[in-house]
Amino acid sequence: MSSSTDKSYTPPKVWQWDQESGGKFASINRPIAGATHDKELPVGKHPLQLYSLATPNGVKVTVLLEELLEAGIHDAEYDAHLIEILEGDQFSSGFVSVNPNSKIPALLDVSTTPPTRVFESGSIMLYLAEKFGAFIPKDPAKRTETLNWLFWQMASAPILGGGFGHFYAYAPEKYEYPINRYTMEIKRQLDVLNRQLAEHEYIAGDEYTIADMAIWPWYGALVTNQVYEAAEFIEAHTYKNVLRWAEQIAKRPAVQRGRIVNKTWGEADKQLRERHDASDFNQ
């Protein structure tokens, strides 16, 4: 049965941009690319310059960077500069030069000549894992399995965030059809993970990899009710293997550090607006 708020919509022959379309992110969404203003990006003292915000996509990269440092890889030192997406920082000329897609996170490796720009979180994770030879297996079969799950996350998360998250939590009105459609799909995704984790300690097998770091900020947060406040709605408690894995990953010291970098909301002691030194976590 359709809800009383459902409205029939007939698309026009030619779509027109309605800047008052509503929703939490309406003020920064637009159908064109490119910079809106001139502003250079700051550059710190470390080899890696990260421009980000602690959304799930941002957390993927800061967790990996902290795991690399935890593993004793000092060349992975980084500066994490805050990009306020609701303020439009991602449309500055400096940011667009690093990521023409104007999405966080974006990375500039200034240890290379010329500096190497890396954008899209999956690409950044693969770049760092290969650069430092860590958190990606050397065995070809295990490496491929890790990449299978890394790309699974990249393909699946837009359904969770832009689909379910938007219509369940952020859209200006609740509509039955999209909520049902995307709820069905994310529950299927959780079942995929739950079945995989029934047979393996980590996502790609018995080894902690970039696949875990990519998937955890999205699906770990979902089942532990840290995004969208939807755990009861989706019966998160039924995905016992995902919960076991999510709680296991959350206990890692590097994860606890990485998840708060570039975070500007929530409890004050769980925020670190910018990270320029390991000592920043002690302030």
Protein backbone atom coordinates (compact mmCIF):
# COMPACT_ATOMS: atom_id res chain seq x y z
CA MET A 1 0.00 0.00 0.00
CA SER A 2 1.37 3.42 -0.89
CA SER A 3 1.77 6.00 1.84
CA SER A 4 -0.28 9.19 1.77
CA THR A 5 2.86 11.25 1.13
CA ASP A 6 3.68 9.52 -2.18
CA LYS A 7 3.21 11.79 -5.18
CA SER A 8 3.07 10.85 -8.82
CA TYR A 9 5.73 12.62 -10.86
CA THR A 10 5.82 13.06 -14.60
CA PRO A 11 9.29 14.09 -15.76
CA PRO A 12 9.37 17.09 -18.11
CA LYS A 13 10.79 16.67 -21.61
CA VAL A 14 13.85 18.65 -20.55
CA TRP A 15 15.09 18.61 -16.96
CA GLN A 16 15.69 21.96 -15.26
CA TRP A 17 17.84 22.52 -12.18
CA ASP A 18 15.73 23.45 -9.15
CA GLN A 19 18.10 24.96 -6.61
CA GLU A 20 15.38 24.72 -3.96
CA SER A 21 15.05 20.96 -4.30
CA GLY A 22 15.50 20.44 -0.56
CA GLY A 23 17.38 17.87 1.48
CA LYS A 24 20.34 18.23 3.81
CA PHE A 25 22.89 18.70 1.03
CA ALA A 26 20.81 20.77 -1.38
CA SER A 27 22.98 23.84 -0.90
CA ILE A 28 26.10 22.16 -2.27
CA ASN A 29 24.65 19.92 -4.98
CA ARG A 30 24.74 21.23 -8.52
CA PRO A 31 24.71 19.75 -12.02
CA ILE A 32 27.99 21.32 -13.16
CA ALA A 33 31.64 20.77 -12.22
CA GLY A 34 34.55 23.14 -11.75
CA ALA A 35 35.64 25.72 -9.21
CA THR A 36 33.35 28.39 -7.81
CA HIS A 37 36.09 30.47 -6.21
CA ASP A 38 39.86 30.91 -6.11
CA LYS A 39 41.61 29.56 -3.04
CA GLU A 40 44.85 27.65 -2.72
CA LEU A 41 45.08 24.57 -0.54
CA PRO A 42 47.36 24.58 2.50
CA VAL A 43 50.40 22.31 2.36
CA GLY A 44 51.97 20.98 5.55
CA LYS A 45 55.36 19.48 6.36
CA HIS A 46 54.71 15.78 5.69
CA PRO A 47 55.05 13.69 2.51
CA LEU A 48 51.31 13.11 2.27
CA GLN A 49 48.75 15.91 2.21
CA LEU A 50 45.17 14.80 2.81
CA TYR A 51 42.16 17.07 2.23
CA SER A 52 39.14 15.50 3.82
CA LEU A 53 36.24 15.31 6.26
CA ALA A 54 35.35 12.42 8.59
CA THR A 55 32.53 11.03 6.48
CA PRO A 56 32.77 7.28 5.88
CA ASN A 57 34.78 7.87 2.71
CA GLY A 58 37.18 10.15 4.58
CA VAL A 59 37.53 7.74 7.50
CA LYS A 60 38.65 4.96 5.16
CA VAL A 61 41.81 6.87 4.31
CA THR A 62 42.68 8.24 7.74
CA VAL A 63 42.28 4.75 9.22
CA LEU A 64 44.68 3.38 6.60
CA LEU A 65 47.20 6.15 7.23
CA GLU A 66 47.07 5.56 10.97
CA GLU A 67 47.43 1.79 10.43
CA LEU A 68 50.51 2.40 8.27
CA LEU A 69 52.04 4.56 10.99
CA GLU A 70 51.09 2.00 13.64
CA ALA A 71 52.98 -0.58 11.56
CA GLY A 72 56.11 1.56 11.78
CA ILE A 73 55.99 2.99 8.25
CA HIS A 74 57.21 6.50 9.00
CA ASP A 75 57.09 7.62 5.37
CA ALA A 76 53.29 7.52 5.69
CA GLU A 77 53.32 10.67 7.85
CA TYR A 78 50.58 13.00 6.77
CA ASP A 79 48.83 16.30 7.28
CA ALA A 80 45.04 16.08 7.30
CA HIS A 81 43.47 19.39 6.30
CA LEU A 82 39.78 19.95 6.98
CA ILE A 83 37.46 20.42 4.00
CA GLU A 84 34.09 21.82 5.11
CA ILE A 85 31.83 20.42 2.42
CA LEU A 86 28.73 22.26 3.63
CA GLU A 87 30.70 25.48 3.21
CA GLY A 88 31.72 24.56 -0.34
CA ASP A 89 35.46 24.15 0.32
CA GLN A 90 35.54 21.34 -2.22
CA PHE A 91 34.74 23.82 -4.99
CA SER A 92 37.84 25.94 -4.43
CA SER A 93 40.31 26.17 -7.30
CA GLY A 94 42.96 24.46 -5.17
CA PHE A 95 40.77 21.49 -4.32
CA VAL A 96 39.48 21.10 -7.87
CA SER A 97 43.09 20.96 -9.08
CA VAL A 98 43.61 17.89 -6.86
CA ASN A 99 40.18 16.36 -7.46
CA PRO A 100 38.21 17.62 -10.47
CA ASN A 101 35.21 15.69 -9.12
CA SER A 102 35.04 17.96 -6.02
CA LYS A 103 34.53 15.12 -3.55
CA ILE A 104 36.46 14.29 -0.41
CA PRO A 105 38.88 12.73 0.26
CA ALA A 106 41.69 13.93 -1.98
CA LEU A 107 45.39 13.23 -1.51
CA LEU A 108 48.51 14.98 -2.72
CA ASP A 109 51.76 13.00 -2.47
CA VAL A 110 54.42 15.69 -2.38
CA SER A 111 57.23 13.14 -2.01
CA THR A 112 57.13 12.63 -5.79
CA THR A 113 58.31 15.03 -8.49
CA PRO A 114 56.00 16.41 -9.60
CA PRO A 115 53.52 15.80 -6.76
CA THR A 116 51.04 12.99 -7.44
CA ARG A 117 47.35 13.72 -7.05
CA VAL A 118 45.10 10.85 -6.01
CA PHE A 119 41.32 11.07 -5.79
CA GLU A 120 38.46 8.64 -5.10
CA SER A 121 38.85 6.86 -1.77
CA GLY A 122 39.37 3.42 -3.30
CA SER A 123 42.13 4.74 -5.54
CA ILE A 124 43.79 6.46 -2.58
CA MET A 125 43.70 3.24 -0.53
CA LEU A 126 45.14 1.16 -3.35
CA TYR A 127 47.82 3.78 -4.02
CA LEU A 128 48.93 3.87 -0.39
CA ALA A 129 48.81 0.10 0.06
CA GLU A 130 50.95 -0.45 -3.02
CA LYS A 131 53.30 2.45 -2.27
CA PHE A 132 54.13 1.07 1.18
CA GLY A 133 53.57 -2.65 0.52
CA ALA A 134 51.14 -3.05 3.38
CA PHE A 135 47.58 -4.23 4.00
CA ILE A 136 47.32 -5.77 0.56
CA PRO A 137 48.48 -9.39 0.16
CA LYS A 138 51.39 -10.20 -2.12
CA ASP A 139 49.94 -13.57 -3.10
CA PRO A 140 48.08 -12.97 -6.42
CA ALA A 141 44.94 -14.88 -5.42
CA LYS A 142 44.66 -13.18 -2.02
CA ARG A 143 45.44 -9.79 -3.57
CA THR A 144 42.66 -10.29 -6.10
CA GLU A 145 40.21 -11.30 -3.37
CA THR A 146 41.09 -8.12 -1.45
CA LEU A 147 40.49 -6.03 -4.56
CA ASN A 148 37.21 -7.87 -5.20
CA TRP A 149 35.93 -6.58 -1.87
CA LEU A 150 37.46 -3.13 -2.21
CA PHE A 151 35.61 -2.64 -5.48
CA TRP A 152 32.50 -4.24 -4.00
CA GLN A 153 32.50 -1.46 -1.44
CA MET A 154 33.02 1.25 -4.02
CA ALA A 155 30.07 -0.06 -6.03
CA SER A 156 27.79 -0.81 -3.07
CA ALA A 157 28.21 2.22 -0.80
CA PRO A 158 26.37 4.65 -3.12
CA ILE A 159 23.30 2.45 -2.64
CA LEU A 160 23.73 2.76 1.12
CA GLY A 161 24.59 6.46 1.27
CA GLY A 162 23.03 8.11 -1.75
CA GLY A 163 20.14 5.68 -1.82
CA PHE A 164 19.07 4.41 1.60
CA GLY A 165 20.72 7.10 3.69
CA HIS A 166 19.37 9.92 1.59
CA PHE A 167 15.77 8.77 1.42
CA TYR A 168 15.58 7.37 4.96
CA ALA A 169 17.42 10.13 6.82
CA TYR A 170 18.01 13.23 4.69
CA ALA A 171 15.30 13.70 2.08
CA PRO A 172 12.84 16.50 2.88
CA GLU A 173 9.93 14.03 2.79
CA LYS A 174 9.56 10.30 3.37
CA TYR A 175 8.54 8.24 0.36
CA GLU A 176 7.61 4.57 0.59
CA TYR A 177 8.91 3.38 -2.75
CA PRO A 178 12.57 4.54 -2.54
CA ILE A 179 12.86 3.63 1.15
CA ASN A 180 11.56 0.13 0.46
CA ARG A 181 13.72 -0.23 -2.65
CA TYR A 182 16.96 0.80 -0.98
CA THR A 183 16.24 -0.97 2.31
CA MET A 184 15.82 -4.22 0.41
CA GLU A 185 19.15 -3.68 -1.32
CA ILE A 186 21.20 -2.76 1.75
CA LYS A 187 19.79 -5.74 3.61
CA ARG A 188 20.93 -7.90 0.72
CA GLN A 189 24.37 -6.28 0.95
CA LEU A 190 24.52 -6.95 4.69
CA ASP A 191 23.60 -10.56 4.01
CA VAL A 192 26.46 -10.79 1.53
CA LEU A 193 28.86 -9.56 4.21
CA ASN A 194 27.31 -11.72 6.91
CA ARG A 195 27.77 -14.87 4.85
CA GLN A 196 31.36 -13.97 3.99
CA LEU A 197 32.23 -13.21 7.60
CA ALA A 198 30.66 -16.48 8.76
CA GLU A 199 33.58 -18.26 7.10
CA HIS A 200 36.38 -15.72 7.47
CA GLU A 201 37.75 -13.57 10.28
CA TYR A 202 38.18 -10.60 7.98
CA ILE A 203 36.42 -9.54 4.81
CA ALA A 204 38.94 -10.97 2.34
CA GLY A 205 40.05 -13.95 4.41
CA ASP A 206 42.28 -14.41 7.46
CA GLU A 207 44.24 -11.19 6.88
CA TYR A 208 43.27 -7.62 7.81
CA THR A 209 43.42 -5.58 4.61
CA ILE A 210 42.32 -2.38 2.93
CA ALA A 211 39.04 -4.18 2.18
CA ASP A 212 38.17 -4.13 5.89
CA MET A 213 39.20 -0.49 6.19
CA ALA A 214 37.03 0.46 3.21
CA ILE A 215 33.91 -1.42 4.26
CA TRP A 216 34.00 -0.80 8.02
CA PRO A 217 33.27 2.98 8.04
CA TRP A 218 30.09 2.35 6.05
CA TYR A 219 28.66 -0.99 7.07
CA GLY A 220 30.24 -1.22 10.50
CA ALA A 221 28.74 2.16 11.33
CA LEU A 222 25.36 1.09 9.93
CA VAL A 223 24.98 -2.04 12.06
CA THR A 224 26.20 -0.27 15.21
CA ASN A 225 23.69 2.55 14.68
CA GLN A 226 26.27 5.28 14.12
CA VAL A 227 24.80 6.45 10.82
CA TYR A 228 21.17 7.12 9.86
CA GLU A 229 19.83 5.82 13.23
CA ALA A 230 18.45 2.87 11.33
CA ALA A 231 19.75 -0.17 13.23
CA GLU A 232 16.33 -1.12 14.58
CA PHE A 233 14.64 -0.46 11.24
CA ILE A 234 16.94 -2.84 9.36
CA GLU A 235 17.16 -5.38 12.24
CA ALA A 236 20.92 -4.93 12.46
CA HIS A 237 21.12 -7.39 15.37
CA THR A 238 20.38 -10.24 12.97
CA TYR A 239 23.68 -9.74 11.13
CA LYS A 240 25.72 -11.30 13.91
CA ASN A 241 28.90 -11.91 11.92
CA VAL A 242 28.98 -8.34 10.66
CA LEU A 243 28.53 -7.08 14.21
CA ARG A 244 31.34 -9.33 15.48
CA TRP A 245 33.66 -8.02 12.77
CA ALA A 246 32.60 -4.38 13.24
CA GLU A 247 33.30 -4.51 16.97
CA GLN A 248 36.63 -6.26 16.39
CA ILE A 249 37.81 -3.58 13.94
CA ALA A 250 36.62 -0.77 16.25
CA LYS A 251 39.00 -1.94 18.99
CA ARG A 252 42.12 -1.31 16.91
CA PRO A 253 44.08 1.72 18.18
CA ALA A 254 44.77 3.02 14.66
CA VAL A 255 41.07 2.80 13.83
CA GLN A 256 40.18 4.72 16.98
CA ARG A 257 42.55 7.47 15.92
CA GLY A 258 41.67 7.48 12.24
CA ARG A 259 37.93 7.71 12.81
CA ILE A 260 38.19 11.08 14.58
CA VAL A 261 40.53 12.85 12.15
CA ASN A 262 38.80 15.78 10.40
CA LYS A 263 35.71 15.20 12.55
CA THR A 264 33.81 18.33 13.60
CA TRP A 265 30.66 16.91 15.19
CA GLY A 266 29.66 14.68 18.10
CA GLU A 267 31.42 14.42 21.44
CA ALA A 268 34.24 16.94 21.84
CA ASP A 269 36.80 14.29 22.80
CA LYS A 270 35.97 12.37 19.60
CA GLN A 271 36.84 15.27 17.31
CA LEU A 272 40.14 16.25 15.72
CA ARG A 273 39.57 18.99 13.19
CA GLU A 274 43.03 18.66 11.65
CA ARG A 275 45.93 16.29 12.15
CA HIS A 276 49.51 17.49 11.59
CA ASP A 277 51.40 15.42 14.18
CA ALA A 278 50.86 12.29 16.22
CA SER A 279 50.77 14.46 19.34
CA ASP A 280 47.57 16.10 18.08
CA PHE A 281 45.61 13.13 19.41
CA ASN A 282 46.73 13.94 22.95
CA GLN A 283 45.39 17.48 23.00
